[in-house]
């Protein structure tokens, strides 16, 4: 008999992908929490955040010589461990500009 958990998946674990350990050490956790808890209170701050954080992941490059790949530079967002937090901060800044300030953000997209 298979057991079904509260998520509707069978098995003991409710996660998909790599196994989760009971204890993980995240050196960047305090910085992640500080970025996530940052409150935007002024439109100037929101404008600066929207300008500083790019809307898309910086480009990926493949350098070829005579048809042979010499080096592949991955997208820079994959190299930044705080990329998701920065993108969410930018999203919150844009939402602040629209919801609280009533501004048009089409220039930032």
Protein backbone atom coordinates (compact mmCIF):
# COMPACT_ATOMS: atom_id res chain seq x y z
CA UNK A 1 0.00 0.00 0.00
CA UNK A 2 1.26 3.45 -0.80
CA UNK A 3 0.65 6.35 1.50
CA UNK A 4 -0.58 9.69 0.19
CA UNK A 5 0.59 12.80 2.04
CA UNK A 6 -1.24 16.12 2.40
CA UNK A 7 0.14 17.38 -0.93
CA UNK A 8 -1.35 14.46 -2.81
CA UNK A 9 1.99 12.80 -3.57
CA UNK A 10 2.79 9.29 -2.56
CA UNK A 11 5.82 8.46 -0.52
CA UNK A 12 7.34 9.71 2.69
CA UNK A 13 8.75 13.01 1.44
CA UNK A 14 6.70 15.88 0.03
CA UNK A 15 9.57 17.43 -1.95
CA UNK A 16 10.62 16.91 -5.53
CA UNK A 17 14.25 16.91 -6.58
CA UNK A 18 17.29 16.66 -4.41
CA UNK A 19 17.01 15.33 -0.87
CA UNK A 20 16.67 17.90 1.87
CA UNK A 21 18.97 17.59 4.82
CA UNK A 22 17.83 18.28 8.34
CA UNK A 23 20.55 20.86 8.92
CA UNK A 24 21.76 23.20 6.22
CA UNK A 25 24.26 25.97 6.74
CA UNK A 26 23.57 29.02 4.60
CA UNK A 27 26.29 31.61 4.98
CA UNK A 28 24.22 34.19 3.08
CA UNK A 29 21.01 33.69 5.08
CA UNK A 30 21.37 36.92 7.14
CA UNK A 31 21.91 38.94 3.97
CA UNK A 32 18.98 37.21 2.25
CA UNK A 33 16.74 38.04 5.20
CA UNK A 34 17.90 41.67 5.24
CA UNK A 35 17.13 42.08 1.52
CA UNK A 36 13.74 40.36 1.91
CA UNK A 37 12.78 42.49 4.91
CA UNK A 38 13.85 45.80 3.31
CA UNK A 39 10.84 48.12 3.21
CA UNK A 40 10.50 50.68 0.46
CA UNK A 41 9.06 53.89 1.88
CA UNK A 42 10.09 56.61 -0.59
CA UNK A 43 9.59 56.86 -4.32
CA UNK A 44 13.24 57.94 -4.76
CA UNK A 45 14.40 54.68 -3.22
CA UNK A 46 12.05 52.68 -5.44
CA UNK A 47 13.33 54.50 -8.54
CA UNK A 48 16.96 53.79 -7.60
CA UNK A 49 16.26 50.11 -6.99
CA UNK A 50 14.40 49.77 -10.31
CA UNK A 51 17.30 51.44 -12.16
CA UNK A 52 20.10 49.51 -10.44
CA UNK A 53 18.67 45.99 -10.70
CA UNK A 54 18.31 44.85 -14.33
CA UNK A 55 14.97 43.59 -15.61
CA UNK A 56 16.54 40.57 -17.29
CA UNK A 57 19.42 38.28 -16.56
CA UNK A 58 22.63 39.62 -18.12
CA UNK A 59 23.62 37.93 -21.35
CA UNK A 60 25.19 34.55 -21.95
CA UNK A 61 28.17 34.35 -24.30
CA UNK A 62 29.68 31.49 -26.24
CA UNK A 63 33.07 32.29 -27.74
CA UNK A 64 33.85 30.27 -30.87
CA UNK A 65 36.92 30.17 -33.06
CA UNK A 66 36.71 28.35 -36.40
CA UNK A 67 33.45 26.73 -35.34
CA UNK A 68 34.86 25.30 -32.10
CA UNK A 69 33.57 26.45 -28.74
CA UNK A 70 36.49 27.91 -26.78
CA UNK A 71 34.63 29.11 -23.71
CA UNK A 72 31.03 29.37 -22.58
CA UNK A 73 30.23 32.17 -20.14
CA UNK A 74 26.98 31.34 -18.30
CA UNK A 75 24.30 33.95 -17.64
CA UNK A 76 25.53 36.12 -14.79
CA UNK A 77 22.36 35.54 -12.77
CA UNK A 78 23.42 31.93 -12.28
CA UNK A 79 26.64 33.15 -10.68
CA UNK A 80 24.88 35.47 -8.21
CA UNK A 81 23.55 33.57 -5.18
CA UNK A 82 21.32 36.54 -4.26
CA UNK A 83 19.78 36.97 -7.71
CA UNK A 84 16.28 35.86 -6.68
CA UNK A 85 16.22 38.23 -3.71
CA UNK A 86 17.33 41.16 -5.87
CA UNK A 87 14.71 40.41 -8.54
CA UNK A 88 12.01 40.24 -5.88
CA UNK A 89 13.25 43.54 -4.37
CA UNK A 90 13.00 45.14 -7.82
CA UNK A 91 9.50 43.74 -8.21
CA UNK A 92 8.47 45.22 -4.85
CA UNK A 93 9.95 48.58 -5.87
CA UNK A 94 7.96 48.58 -9.11
CA UNK A 95 4.79 47.60 -7.25
CA UNK A 96 5.40 50.46 -4.80
CA UNK A 97 5.70 52.92 -7.67
CA UNK A 98 2.45 51.72 -9.23
CA UNK A 99 0.33 51.11 -6.14
CA UNK A 100 1.41 53.89 -3.80
CA UNK A 101 2.72 56.55 -6.16
CA UNK A 102 0.49 55.91 -9.17
CA UNK A 103 3.44 56.16 -11.56
CA UNK A 104 3.89 54.57 -14.96
CA UNK A 105 6.67 51.96 -14.86
CA UNK A 106 6.77 51.11 -18.56
CA UNK A 107 10.20 52.76 -18.82
CA UNK A 108 11.61 50.12 -16.43
CA UNK A 109 10.34 47.10 -18.36
